[in-house]
């Protein structure tokens, strides 16, 4: 951030009084501009026979790789509205949303991913504008080496493990950057 959205003056990065983190602060009007994590919301759409709907990405990042239908939550919507909207936008799929299944914190990129269990209402789905193709996969047919994002891969593995015992639990995890971008001593933490 270079300029204040309130008055257009330059901002500087400093720790405001009574705060403990650097913030962008306007040099003229002193407005403090807080930047908070973005929410990525989506679903795990399952058909009656147990297959899961995945989308092959038509956009960057990770163009051409597979993912669950998900995307950034918009202002003015609930998390459930975001999950339903993203599933419809990316896969033209209608779902009955179930319970929140996983929350993955990605502090290194300032994101939180929330994925809901969902039941496909019908098989009338097709690629949306951000997808090259959409397809139902049985567990053994999922292109594991072509999954676009670590939170999706981790969530799918948890999902199939829970499905074996028909005991779906809510999963909370912290995904820390790989060691090349990592600070010493930080690692994946799973808080089930």
Foldseek 3Di string as FASTA:
>chain_A
DAADPVPGAGWDFDADPPGDGTFTAGPPPRDTDDDAFWEKAAEFEAEPVGWTKWFQFCDDDLHRFIFGQIGTDDPPDDRVVRHQVSCCQAKVWGWDWDAWQEWEAEVVRRYIYIYTYIYTPDPPIFGHPGGPTMDTGDPVRHPLVRHRDPVRSVSVVLVVVCVVVVHGDHWYWYQYDPPVPDDPPDHIDTDD
